[in-house]
Amino acid sequence: MSALSGPVPPLGRKRLPVSIPYYGRQIEGRNDVNVPDTDTGGLISFRELEYRLGRSNLSVGSRALIRGLCRLGRPAMFPGGGIGIEYAGLLKNAANPHYLRSHVQEVAHHFHAQSVHMLIAPGISGYPIGSMYAAVADLPVILLRKTRIDRNQAACHPTGSFVISSYTGDGDFLMSADLVAVQDMVDHVLTSQIADQSGSDPLKLSLRMAGADDIIDKATMSQAVSESALVIGRSAAELFISRYQERMGGARSIDIDVAVVAWATPLIKDYNRPRELLHRLFGIDPFAGISVTNVQLDPPAIGVAGLGTIEFPRHECLS
């Protein structure tokens, strides 16, 4: 895991663009992802999908996600991101528990195993699934709001904000959190921990955060969200400690550990090696429902780790 150390600016607002981090994204070309999957033994047709799923070691949640993706999605070209996967009918425009319930339950179990206290999800695309994770895991979740920015216009932004380029080629966007809501969540988490350590000195507090997104591609957004979460979490924790010590007369010393300890997503593009980046930066192995090994446009197909390359059906074959 990765914990923030060193001085952290107080909660408040700063000016753009001097100190705000910027995260760019590279466009995926056809040669990046149209790679044959040597373990498939040929394309898996939709009609044989159930048979192949039954013979796989994939979890119940992963199998349900694959069924939903094959019915509702397909590979596509995106202006700012190159070749990708259109999955809006599964995770954005609709939410069908037939496809999502088991995966969400598996993620909730993973978060509990990691002793997560709160989630952070980038919006708008990442927040629907993030809120499902949060509701089932009984965890608070913060949306990082997406706002178009004008670099020629002076502006201010909340602590922990960053700018990231759009995957769809729609320009750069500011991502920022509702700091009042963050503070309320952190106050509840740390107040509960203090109550459990009534006789301890020093107090040992922790804030364990997790990220959630609809897809992890090159992990650019995951890195940005994680680094933002560390700043936001440390700022809120330090403000809580300052107020607590003021009320208590500063009699008890307090140690605080703020860390991003987990990530979860329905889809991860393993061919972009995002796991390596998240492990190197934060010591995290992301939990993913579908690990995509390759994407093909002609014929439309995706490779899935532990299964093979699945050819997307024509709509008339879905009955």
Protein backbone atom coordinates (compact mmCIF):
# COMPACT_ATOMS: atom_id res chain seq x y z
CA MET A 1 0.00 0.00 0.00
CA SER A 2 1.09 3.64 -0.31
CA ALA A 3 0.66 6.12 2.51
CA LEU A 4 1.08 9.87 2.22
CA SER A 5 3.88 11.40 4.26
CA GLY A 6 5.27 14.87 4.69
CA PRO A 7 3.50 18.22 4.86
CA VAL A 8 -0.01 18.37 3.46
CA PRO A 9 -1.85 21.60 2.58
CA PRO A 10 -4.93 22.36 4.67
CA LEU A 11 -8.42 21.89 3.34
CA GLY A 12 -9.32 24.86 1.21
CA ARG A 13 -9.02 26.19 -2.32
CA LYS A 14 -6.03 26.94 -4.54
CA ARG A 15 -5.51 28.62 -7.88
CA LEU A 16 -5.20 26.96 -11.27
CA PRO A 17 -2.98 26.05 -13.03
CA VAL A 18 0.19 26.48 -10.91
CA SER A 19 0.09 23.54 -8.51
CA ILE A 20 -2.52 21.20 -9.94
CA PRO A 21 -1.33 17.82 -11.27
CA TYR A 22 -2.03 16.98 -14.91
CA TYR A 23 -2.48 13.45 -16.23
CA GLY A 24 -2.42 12.83 -19.99
CA ARG A 25 -3.48 9.67 -21.82
CA GLN A 26 -2.03 7.90 -24.84
CA ILE A 27 -4.26 6.77 -27.67
CA GLU A 28 -4.39 3.03 -28.28
CA GLY A 29 -3.69 1.96 -31.85
CA ARG A 30 -4.84 -1.15 -33.65
CA ASN A 31 -1.48 -2.84 -33.17
CA ASP A 32 -1.63 -2.26 -29.41
CA VAL A 33 -4.64 -4.48 -28.78
CA ASN A 34 -5.37 -6.58 -31.87
CA VAL A 35 -3.05 -9.28 -30.58
CA PRO A 36 -3.96 -12.95 -31.07
CA ASP A 37 -4.74 -14.84 -27.88
CA THR A 38 -2.65 -17.98 -28.15
CA ASP A 39 -4.61 -19.82 -25.45
CA THR A 40 -8.01 -19.72 -27.09
CA GLY A 41 -7.94 -22.43 -29.73
CA GLY A 42 -10.13 -20.21 -31.92
CA LEU A 43 -12.92 -17.75 -31.26
CA ILE A 44 -15.64 -18.64 -28.79
CA SER A 45 -19.05 -18.04 -30.36
CA PHE A 46 -21.95 -16.70 -28.32
CA ARG A 47 -23.77 -19.99 -28.72
CA GLU A 48 -20.97 -21.93 -27.02
CA LEU A 49 -20.29 -19.29 -24.37
CA GLU A 50 -22.27 -20.99 -21.59
CA TYR A 51 -20.46 -24.27 -22.14
CA ARG A 52 -17.06 -22.54 -21.99
CA LEU A 53 -18.03 -20.53 -18.91
CA GLY A 54 -19.11 -23.72 -17.17
CA ARG A 55 -15.70 -25.29 -17.79
CA SER A 56 -13.79 -22.20 -16.58
CA ASN A 57 -12.54 -21.30 -13.12
CA LEU A 58 -14.03 -17.82 -13.29
CA SER A 59 -16.09 -16.61 -10.34
CA VAL A 60 -19.88 -16.39 -10.44
CA GLY A 61 -19.63 -12.60 -10.62
CA SER A 62 -17.19 -12.65 -13.51
CA ARG A 63 -19.33 -15.10 -15.49
CA ALA A 64 -22.40 -12.89 -15.07
CA LEU A 65 -20.45 -9.79 -16.19
CA ILE A 66 -19.23 -11.62 -19.30
CA ARG A 67 -22.78 -12.63 -20.21
CA GLY A 68 -23.93 -9.03 -19.85
CA LEU A 69 -21.02 -7.61 -21.82
CA CYS A 70 -21.59 -10.05 -24.69
CA ARG A 71 -25.26 -9.08 -24.88
CA LEU A 72 -24.91 -5.34 -24.39
CA GLY A 73 -21.42 -4.29 -25.49
CA ARG A 74 -18.86 -4.64 -28.25
CA PRO A 75 -15.43 -3.32 -29.31
CA ALA A 76 -15.44 0.22 -30.72
CA MET A 77 -13.19 3.10 -31.80
CA PHE A 78 -13.10 6.17 -29.55
CA PRO A 79 -11.82 9.55 -30.84
CA GLY A 80 -9.53 10.22 -27.87
CA GLY A 81 -8.72 6.69 -26.76
CA GLY A 82 -8.45 4.57 -29.90
CA ILE A 83 -9.75 1.01 -29.76
CA GLY A 84 -11.83 0.30 -26.69
CA ILE A 85 -14.94 -1.44 -25.41
CA GLU A 86 -18.43 0.04 -25.56
CA TYR A 87 -20.13 -1.14 -22.38
CA ALA A 88 -22.59 1.66 -21.63
CA GLY A 89 -25.58 -0.70 -21.69
CA LEU A 90 -23.99 -2.77 -18.93
CA LEU A 91 -22.58 -0.11 -16.59
CA LYS A 92 -23.69 3.39 -17.62
CA ASN A 93 -27.07 3.56 -19.37
CA ALA A 94 -28.53 0.64 -17.43
CA ALA A 95 -27.88 -1.47 -14.34
CA ASN A 96 -29.25 -5.00 -14.38
CA PRO A 97 -28.71 -7.00 -11.16
CA HIS A 98 -28.83 -10.17 -13.26
CA TYR A 99 -25.39 -9.19 -14.57
CA LEU A 100 -24.00 -7.05 -11.74
CA ARG A 101 -25.22 -8.42 -8.39
CA SER A 102 -22.69 -11.22 -7.89
CA HIS A 103 -19.74 -9.11 -9.00
CA VAL A 104 -20.72 -6.29 -6.64
CA GLN A 105 -21.02 -8.77 -3.77
CA GLU A 106 -17.56 -10.14 -4.54
CA VAL A 107 -16.10 -6.63 -4.53
CA ALA A 108 -17.80 -5.86 -1.21
CA HIS A 109 -16.19 -8.98 0.27
CA HIS A 110 -12.80 -7.86 -1.11
CA PHE A 111 -13.15 -4.41 0.47
CA HIS A 112 -14.07 -5.94 3.82
CA ALA A 113 -11.02 -8.22 3.63
CA GLN A 114 -8.86 -5.12 3.06
CA SER A 115 -10.49 -3.26 6.01
CA VAL A 116 -11.47 -0.35 3.77
CA HIS A 117 -13.07 2.70 5.42
CA MET A 118 -14.22 4.72 2.40
CA LEU A 119 -14.29 4.69 -1.41
CA ILE A 120 -13.42 7.28 -4.04
CA ALA A 121 -14.83 7.04 -7.56
CA PRO A 122 -14.26 9.33 -10.58
CA GLY A 123 -17.41 10.61 -12.21
CA ILE A 124 -19.59 10.52 -13.95
CA SER A 125 -18.82 7.12 -15.47
CA GLY A 126 -17.18 5.57 -12.42
CA TYR A 127 -19.72 6.68 -9.85
CA PRO A 128 -22.66 4.37 -10.74
CA ILE A 129 -20.66 1.20 -10.13
CA GLY A 130 -18.79 2.84 -7.25
CA SER A 131 -22.05 3.65 -5.50
CA MET A 132 -23.20 0.04 -5.96
CA TYR A 133 -19.98 -1.20 -4.39
CA ALA A 134 -20.41 1.26 -1.54
CA ALA A 135 -24.04 0.38 -0.84
CA VAL A 136 -23.44 -3.38 -0.69
CA ALA A 137 -20.17 -3.01 1.27
CA ASP A 138 -21.84 -0.48 3.62
CA LEU A 139 -19.08 2.06 2.97
CA PRO A 140 -19.25 5.80 2.24
CA VAL A 141 -18.19 6.86 -1.25
CA ILE A 142 -16.99 10.20 -2.61
CA LEU A 143 -17.48 11.24 -6.23
CA LEU A 144 -14.66 13.14 -7.89
CA ARG A 145 -16.68 15.58 -9.96
CA LYS A 146 -15.75 16.18 -13.60
CA THR A 147 -15.75 19.83 -14.74
CA ARG A 148 -14.56 21.30 -18.02
CA ILE A 149 -11.78 23.84 -17.48
CA ASP A 150 -10.51 26.86 -19.37
CA ARG A 151 -6.75 27.19 -18.94
CA ASN A 152 -6.87 30.83 -20.05
CA GLN A 153 -9.20 31.77 -17.21
CA ALA A 154 -8.08 32.11 -13.61
CA ALA A 155 -9.86 29.61 -11.39
CA CYS A 156 -9.64 28.03 -7.96
CA HIS A 157 -10.04 24.42 -7.03
CA PRO A 158 -10.40 22.24 -3.92
CA THR A 159 -7.39 20.54 -2.35
CA GLY A 160 -6.61 17.23 -4.03
CA SER A 161 -7.93 18.26 -7.46
CA PHE A 162 -6.25 17.25 -10.69
CA VAL A 163 -6.69 17.68 -14.45
CA ILE A 164 -6.98 14.70 -16.79
CA SER A 165 -7.46 14.40 -20.52
CA SER A 166 -10.73 12.87 -21.72
CA TYR A 167 -10.66 9.30 -23.02
CA THR A 168 -13.17 10.32 -25.70
CA GLY A 169 -11.03 13.20 -27.01
CA ASP A 170 -13.32 15.80 -25.46
CA GLY A 171 -10.55 17.94 -23.94
CA ASP A 172 -9.21 18.30 -20.42
CA PHE A 173 -11.31 18.11 -17.28
CA LEU A 174 -10.89 19.12 -13.66
CA MET A 175 -11.61 16.37 -11.12
CA SER A 176 -12.41 17.50 -7.57
CA ALA A 177 -14.10 16.29 -4.40
CA ASP A 178 -16.79 17.74 -2.13
CA LEU A 179 -14.52 18.46 0.84
CA VAL A 180 -17.39 19.02 3.28
CA ALA A 181 -18.70 15.54 2.54
CA VAL A 182 -15.19 14.08 2.77
CA GLN A 183 -14.68 15.69 6.17
CA ASP A 184 -17.96 14.30 7.46
CA MET A 185 -16.97 10.77 6.38
CA VAL A 186 -13.48 11.01 7.86
CA ASP A 187 -14.84 12.45 11.12
CA HIS A 188 -17.13 9.43 11.53
CA VAL A 189 -14.35 6.93 10.78
CA LEU A 190 -11.82 8.47 13.16
CA THR A 191 -14.30 9.23 15.93
CA SER A 192 -15.21 5.55 15.99
CA GLN A 193 -11.54 4.57 16.24
CA ILE A 194 -10.93 6.94 19.14
CA ALA A 195 -13.91 5.46 20.99
CA ASP A 196 -12.32 2.02 20.62
CA GLN A 197 -9.01 3.26 22.13
CA SER A 198 -10.24 5.03 25.23
CA GLY A 199 -7.16 4.12 27.28
CA SER A 200 -4.49 4.23 24.59
CA ASP A 201 -1.67 6.76 24.36
CA PRO A 202 -0.65 7.53 21.73
CA LEU A 203 -3.83 7.07 19.73
CA LYS A 204 -3.21 5.10 16.55
CA LEU A 205 -5.65 6.06 13.82
CA SER A 206 -5.91 4.90 10.21
CA LEU A 207 -7.83 5.92 7.13
CA ARG A 208 -7.87 3.11 4.56
CA MET A 209 -9.29 4.14 1.21
CA ALA A 210 -10.17 2.28 -1.99
CA GLY A 211 -10.75 3.36 -5.57
CA ALA A 212 -13.61 2.24 -7.80
CA ASP A 213 -14.10 2.82 -11.52
CA ASP A 214 -16.08 1.35 -14.39
CA ILE A 215 -12.88 0.34 -16.21
CA ILE A 216 -9.12 0.43 -15.65
CA ASP A 217 -7.30 0.86 -18.94
CA LYS A 218 -3.70 2.12 -18.57
CA ALA A 219 -4.36 2.99 -14.90
CA THR A 220 -3.86 6.69 -15.60
CA MET A 221 -7.14 7.57 -13.91
CA SER A 222 -6.50 5.06 -11.13
CA GLN A 223 -3.12 6.65 -10.40
CA ALA A 224 -4.62 10.14 -10.43
CA VAL A 225 -7.50 9.16 -8.15
CA SER A 226 -5.17 7.37 -5.73
CA GLU A 227 -2.78 10.31 -5.47
CA SER A 228 -5.72 12.67 -5.05
CA ALA A 229 -7.22 10.41 -2.36
CA LEU A 230 -4.02 10.53 -0.34
CA VAL A 231 -3.99 14.33 -0.35
CA ILE A 232 -7.71 14.62 0.40
CA GLY A 233 -7.63 11.95 3.10
CA ARG A 234 -4.56 13.33 4.87
CA SER A 235 -5.98 16.87 4.82
CA ALA A 236 -9.29 15.77 6.33
CA ALA A 237 -7.55 13.56 8.91
CA GLU A 238 -5.23 16.36 10.01
CA LEU A 239 -8.12 18.77 10.38
CA PHE A 240 -10.00 16.20 12.48
CA ILE A 241 -6.93 15.70 14.71
CA SER A 242 -6.42 19.44 15.10
CA ARG A 243 -10.02 19.95 16.21
CA TYR A 244 -9.90 16.92 18.52
CA GLN A 245 -6.71 18.08 20.23
CA GLU A 246 -8.14 21.56 20.63
CA ARG A 247 -11.20 20.14 22.38
CA MET A 248 -9.10 17.82 24.55
CA GLY A 249 -6.39 20.33 25.38
CA GLY A 250 -3.75 18.47 23.38
CA ALA A 251 -3.24 15.92 26.16
CA ARG A 252 -2.99 12.82 23.91
CA SER A 253 -0.56 12.29 21.08
CA ILE A 254 -1.97 10.84 17.87
CA ASP A 255 -0.40 8.79 15.08
CA ILE A 256 -2.30 8.68 11.77
CA ASP A 257 -1.79 6.43 8.75
CA VAL A 258 -3.54 7.37 5.51
CA ALA A 259 -3.34 4.87 2.66
CA VAL A 260 -4.99 3.68 -0.55
CA VAL A 261 -5.23 -0.07 -0.05
CA ALA A 262 -7.53 -1.42 -2.79
CA TRP A 263 -9.03 -0.86 -6.23
CA ALA A 264 -12.02 -2.55 -7.85
CA THR A 265 -13.54 -2.47 -11.32
CA PRO A 266 -15.77 -4.60 -13.55
CA LEU A 267 -13.27 -4.36 -16.45
CA ILE A 268 -9.49 -4.11 -16.60
CA LYS A 269 -7.42 -4.01 -19.79
CA ASP A 270 -4.59 -6.34 -18.82
CA TYR A 271 -2.88 -5.85 -22.18
CA ASN A 272 -2.02 -2.29 -21.07
CA ARG A 273 -0.29 -3.66 -17.92
CA PRO A 274 -2.20 -1.49 -15.42
CA ARG A 275 -1.68 -4.01 -12.63
CA GLU A 276 2.07 -3.47 -12.76
CA LEU A 277 1.65 0.30 -12.43
CA LEU A 278 -0.75 0.11 -9.50
CA HIS A 279 1.41 -2.45 -7.74
CA ARG A 280 4.56 -0.39 -8.26
CA LEU A 281 3.02 2.89 -7.10
CA PHE A 282 0.67 1.72 -4.36
CA GLY A 283 1.32 -1.97 -3.69
CA ILE A 284 -2.21 -2.76 -4.91
CA ASP A 285 -3.45 -5.72 -6.95
CA PRO A 286 -6.76 -4.43 -8.36
CA PHE A 287 -9.85 -6.63 -8.09
CA ALA A 288 -11.44 -6.96 -11.55
CA GLY A 289 -14.49 -8.83 -12.76
CA ILE A 290 -13.26 -9.22 -16.35
CA SER A 291 -9.55 -9.16 -17.22
CA VAL A 292 -9.33 -8.26 -20.92
CA THR A 293 -6.32 -9.67 -22.76
CA ASN A 294 -7.01 -8.27 -26.26
CA VAL A 295 -9.64 -6.42 -28.29
CA GLN A 296 -10.49 -7.12 -31.94
CA LEU A 297 -12.63 -5.06 -34.32
CA ASP A 298 -12.93 -7.54 -37.19
CA PRO A 299 -14.55 -9.75 -36.20
CA PRO A 300 -15.67 -7.94 -33.01
CA ALA A 301 -14.17 -9.91 -30.13
CA ILE A 302 -12.40 -9.57 -26.80
CA GLY A 303 -9.99 -11.89 -25.04
CA VAL A 304 -10.80 -12.73 -21.41
CA ALA A 305 -8.20 -14.16 -19.06
CA GLY A 306 -9.16 -17.65 -17.94
CA LEU A 307 -11.60 -18.15 -20.82
CA GLY A 308 -10.40 -17.23 -24.32
CA THR A 309 -11.42 -14.82 -27.07
CA ILE A 310 -15.17 -14.29 -27.30
CA GLU A 311 -16.77 -13.24 -30.57
CA PHE A 312 -19.57 -10.74 -30.10
CA PRO A 313 -22.92 -11.93 -31.49
CA ARG A 314 -25.29 -10.28 -33.91
CA HIS A 315 -28.39 -8.98 -32.20
CA GLU A 316 -30.57 -11.58 -33.83
CA CYS A 317 -28.54 -14.32 -32.15
CA LEU A 318 -29.34 -13.13 -28.63
CA SER A 319 -32.63 -14.95 -28.17
